[in-house]
Amino acid sequence: MASGPLAARWFRVIATFEAISWTALLIAMFLKWIVKAPHEGGVPVVGMVHGIGFVVYVLSTLWAYRTLHWTFKTLVVGVVAGFPPFGTLVFERWLVRHGLLTTRSRRSSTAAAAPSRG
């Protein structure tokens, strides 16, 4: 299997997971600081899950950068998108809109350059 489509698929899954873990962390912090829930509202556990999700998101962004041939600027924006809540989803939607989560354009340009048999 080609690594480009796999990298794109994993990037989308991890970007979504990172946003979900942000949501869970925001809820846990609300429970801890506003509701004054016992056991710190789950912040330590949810915070660790979110932290691991962020690291995996950065790694998947680096993988997508290399395999999908993004520009360095796109890589930087992708990493920065991991910091604000839901930034990964906004970035992922932007990538889809601009066709940067596919290798189809590279394949079609390669096919166009190849001589036809006939």
C-alpha atoms as a PDB file:
ATOM      1  CA  MET A   1       0.000   0.000   0.000  1.00  0.00           C
ATOM      2  CA  ALA A   2       1.265   3.468  -0.847  1.00  0.00           C
ATOM      3  CA  SER A   3       2.244   5.499   2.197  1.00  0.00           C
ATOM      4  CA  GLY A   4       0.642   8.751   0.921  1.00  0.00           C
ATOM      5  CA  PRO A   5      -3.011   7.697   1.310  1.00  0.00           C
ATOM      6  CA  LEU A   6      -2.192   5.968   4.592  1.00  0.00           C
ATOM      7  CA  ALA A   7      -0.505   9.102   5.949  1.00  0.00           C
ATOM      8  CA  ALA A   8      -3.477  11.239   4.868  1.00  0.00           C
ATOM      9  CA  ARG A   9      -5.983   8.894   6.500  1.00  0.00           C
ATOM     10  CA  TRP A  10      -4.020   8.676   9.745  1.00  0.00           C
ATOM     11  CA  PHE A  11      -3.539  12.437   9.794  1.00  0.00           C
ATOM     12  CA  ARG A  12      -7.309  12.952   9.570  1.00  0.00           C
ATOM     13  CA  VAL A  13      -7.988  10.412  12.342  1.00  0.00           C
ATOM     14  CA  ILE A  14      -5.331  11.847  14.655  1.00  0.00           C
ATOM     15  CA  ALA A  15      -6.404  15.468  13.989  1.00  0.00           C
ATOM     16  CA  THR A  16      -9.957  14.517  14.940  1.00  0.00           C
ATOM     17  CA  PHE A  17      -8.796  12.628  18.034  1.00  0.00           C
ATOM     18  CA  GLU A  18      -6.711  15.624  19.120  1.00  0.00           C
ATOM     19  CA  ALA A  19      -9.766  17.898  18.850  1.00  0.00           C
ATOM     20  CA  ILE A  20     -11.900  15.414  20.807  1.00  0.00           C
ATOM     21  CA  SER A  21      -9.270  15.192  23.523  1.00  0.00           C
ATOM     22  CA  TRP A  22      -9.231  19.019  23.682  1.00  0.00           C
ATOM     23  CA  THR A  23     -12.984  18.934  24.226  1.00  0.00           C
ATOM     24  CA  ALA A  24     -12.618  16.348  26.990  1.00  0.00           C
ATOM     25  CA  LEU A  25      -9.898  18.416  28.654  1.00  0.00           C
ATOM     26  CA  LEU A  26     -12.008  21.577  28.519  1.00  0.00           C
ATOM     27  CA  ILE A  27     -14.916  19.687  30.106  1.00  0.00           C
ATOM     28  CA  ALA A  28     -12.626  18.241  32.783  1.00  0.00           C
ATOM     29  CA  MET A  29     -11.211  21.687  33.569  1.00  0.00           C
ATOM     30  CA  PHE A  30     -14.752  23.071  33.782  1.00  0.00           C
ATOM     31  CA  LEU A  31     -15.650  20.308  36.243  1.00  0.00           C
ATOM     32  CA  LYS A  32     -12.524  20.959  38.304  1.00  0.00           C
ATOM     33  CA  TRP A  33     -12.570  24.761  38.463  1.00  0.00           C
ATOM     34  CA  ILE A  34     -16.239  25.728  38.077  1.00  0.00           C
ATOM     35  CA  VAL A  35     -18.218  22.767  39.422  1.00  0.00           C
ATOM     36  CA  LYS A  36     -15.523  21.895  42.000  1.00  0.00           C
ATOM     37  CA  ALA A  37     -15.882  18.191  41.235  1.00  0.00           C
ATOM     38  CA  PRO A  38     -14.052  15.668  43.406  1.00  0.00           C
ATOM     39  CA  HIS A  39     -10.914  13.968  42.101  1.00  0.00           C
ATOM     40  CA  GLU A  40      -9.917  17.090  40.153  1.00  0.00           C
ATOM     41  CA  GLY A  41     -12.621  16.471  37.559  1.00  0.00           C
ATOM     42  CA  GLY A  42     -10.467  13.979  35.694  1.00  0.00           C
ATOM     43  CA  VAL A  43      -7.943  16.616  34.588  1.00  0.00           C
ATOM     44  CA  PRO A  44      -4.817  14.518  35.288  1.00  0.00           C
ATOM     45  CA  VAL A  45      -6.015  11.562  33.219  1.00  0.00           C
ATOM     46  CA  VAL A  46      -7.643  13.552  30.427  1.00  0.00           C
ATOM     47  CA  GLY A  47      -4.662  15.909  30.378  1.00  0.00           C
ATOM     48  CA  MET A  48      -2.279  13.009  29.843  1.00  0.00           C
ATOM     49  CA  VAL A  49      -4.455  11.548  27.084  1.00  0.00           C
ATOM     50  CA  HIS A  50      -4.577  14.956  25.407  1.00  0.00           C
ATOM     51  CA  GLY A  51      -0.809  15.392  25.764  1.00  0.00           C
ATOM     52  CA  ILE A  52      -0.128  12.039  24.149  1.00  0.00           C
ATOM     53  CA  GLY A  53      -2.665  12.891  21.437  1.00  0.00           C
ATOM     54  CA  PHE A  54      -0.844  16.156  20.757  1.00  0.00           C
ATOM     55  CA  VAL A  55       2.522  14.419  20.405  1.00  0.00           C
ATOM     56  CA  VAL A  56       1.006  11.835  18.052  1.00  0.00           C
ATOM     57  CA  TYR A  57      -0.634  14.695  16.092  1.00  0.00           C
ATOM     58  CA  VAL A  58       2.735  16.409  15.620  1.00  0.00           C
ATOM     59  CA  LEU A  59       4.287  13.117  14.492  1.00  0.00           C
ATOM     60  CA  SER A  60       1.448  12.479  12.037  1.00  0.00           C
ATOM     61  CA  THR A  61       1.839  16.026  10.720  1.00  0.00           C
ATOM     62  CA  LEU A  62       5.547  15.385  10.097  1.00  0.00           C
ATOM     63  CA  TRP A  63       4.715  12.094   8.368  1.00  0.00           C
ATOM     64  CA  ALA A  64       2.105  13.762   6.155  1.00  0.00           C
ATOM     65  CA  TYR A  65       4.548  16.601   5.372  1.00  0.00           C
ATOM     66  CA  ARG A  66       7.115  14.114   4.080  1.00  0.00           C
ATOM     67  CA  THR A  67       4.834  11.695   2.255  1.00  0.00           C
ATOM     68  CA  LEU A  68       2.333  14.191   0.815  1.00  0.00           C
ATOM     69  CA  HIS A  69       5.038  16.723  -0.097  1.00  0.00           C
ATOM     70  CA  TRP A  70       3.613  19.685   1.769  1.00  0.00           C
ATOM     71  CA  THR A  71       5.535  22.943   1.851  1.00  0.00           C
ATOM     72  CA  PHE A  72       7.461  23.839   4.995  1.00  0.00           C
ATOM     73  CA  LYS A  73       4.958  26.637   5.613  1.00  0.00           C
ATOM     74  CA  THR A  74       2.105  24.095   5.602  1.00  0.00           C
ATOM     75  CA  LEU A  75       4.040  21.967   8.095  1.00  0.00           C
ATOM     76  CA  VAL A  76       4.530  24.942  10.439  1.00  0.00           C
ATOM     77  CA  VAL A  77       0.851  25.926  10.204  1.00  0.00           C
ATOM     78  CA  GLY A  78      -0.093  22.308  10.904  1.00  0.00           C
ATOM     79  CA  VAL A  79       2.025  22.115  14.040  1.00  0.00           C
ATOM     80  CA  VAL A  80       0.786  25.504  15.272  1.00  0.00           C
ATOM     81  CA  ALA A  81      -2.805  24.364  14.615  1.00  0.00           C
ATOM     82  CA  GLY A  82      -2.356  21.820  17.397  1.00  0.00           C
ATOM     83  CA  PHE A  83      -2.159  24.515  20.076  1.00  0.00           C
ATOM     84  CA  PRO A  84      -5.552  26.268  20.049  1.00  0.00           C
ATOM     85  CA  PRO A  85      -8.659  24.194  20.786  1.00  0.00           C
ATOM     86  CA  PHE A  86     -10.075  22.669  17.592  1.00  0.00           C
ATOM     87  CA  GLY A  87      -7.280  24.129  15.455  1.00  0.00           C
ATOM     88  CA  THR A  88      -6.491  20.673  14.107  1.00  0.00           C
ATOM     89  CA  LEU A  89     -10.004  20.361  12.691  1.00  0.00           C
ATOM     90  CA  VAL A  90      -9.806  23.782  11.047  1.00  0.00           C
ATOM     91  CA  PHE A  91      -6.422  22.868   9.564  1.00  0.00           C
ATOM     92  CA  GLU A  92      -7.669  19.465   8.364  1.00  0.00           C
ATOM     93  CA  ARG A  93     -10.673  21.098   6.636  1.00  0.00           C
ATOM     94  CA  TRP A  94      -8.330  23.612   4.995  1.00  0.00           C
ATOM     95  CA  LEU A  95      -6.133  20.753   3.729  1.00  0.00           C
ATOM     96  CA  VAL A  96      -9.158  18.976   2.260  1.00  0.00           C
ATOM     97  CA  ARG A  97     -10.390  22.175   0.569  1.00  0.00           C
ATOM     98  CA  HIS A  98      -6.993  22.719  -1.031  1.00  0.00           C
ATOM     99  CA  GLY A  99      -6.488  19.089  -2.044  1.00  0.00           C
ATOM    100  CA  LEU A 100      -3.436  18.614   0.168  1.00  0.00           C
ATOM    101  CA  LEU A 101      -4.567  15.336   1.703  1.00  0.00           C
ATOM    102  CA  THR A 102      -4.370  13.437  -1.532  1.00  0.00           C
ATOM    103  CA  THR A 103      -1.613  12.203  -3.778  1.00  0.00           C
ATOM    104  CA  ARG A 104      -3.938  12.114  -6.784  1.00  0.00           C
ATOM    105  CA  SER A 105      -2.562  15.317  -8.295  1.00  0.00           C
ATOM    106  CA  ARG A 106       0.977  13.938  -8.148  1.00  0.00           C
ATOM    107  CA  ARG A 107      -0.121  10.666  -9.743  1.00  0.00           C
ATOM    108  CA  SER A 108      -2.085  12.381 -12.492  1.00  0.00           C
ATOM    109  CA  SER A 109       0.872  14.613 -13.359  1.00  0.00           C
ATOM    110  CA  THR A 110       3.146  11.547 -13.440  1.00  0.00           C
ATOM    111  CA  ALA A 111       0.659   9.717 -15.670  1.00  0.00           C
ATOM    112  CA  ALA A 112       0.462  12.694 -18.000  1.00  0.00           C
ATOM    113  CA  ALA A 113       4.250  12.782 -18.334  1.00  0.00           C
ATOM    114  CA  ALA A 114       4.526   9.070 -19.086  1.00  0.00           C
ATOM    115  CA  PRO A 115       4.460   8.105 -22.764  1.00  0.00           C
ATOM    116  CA  SER A 116       1.338   6.269 -23.819  1.00  0.00           C
ATOM    117  CA  ARG A 117       1.530   2.795 -25.263  1.00  0.00           C
ATOM    118  CA  GLY A 118      -0.428   2.467 -28.334  1.00  0.00           C
END
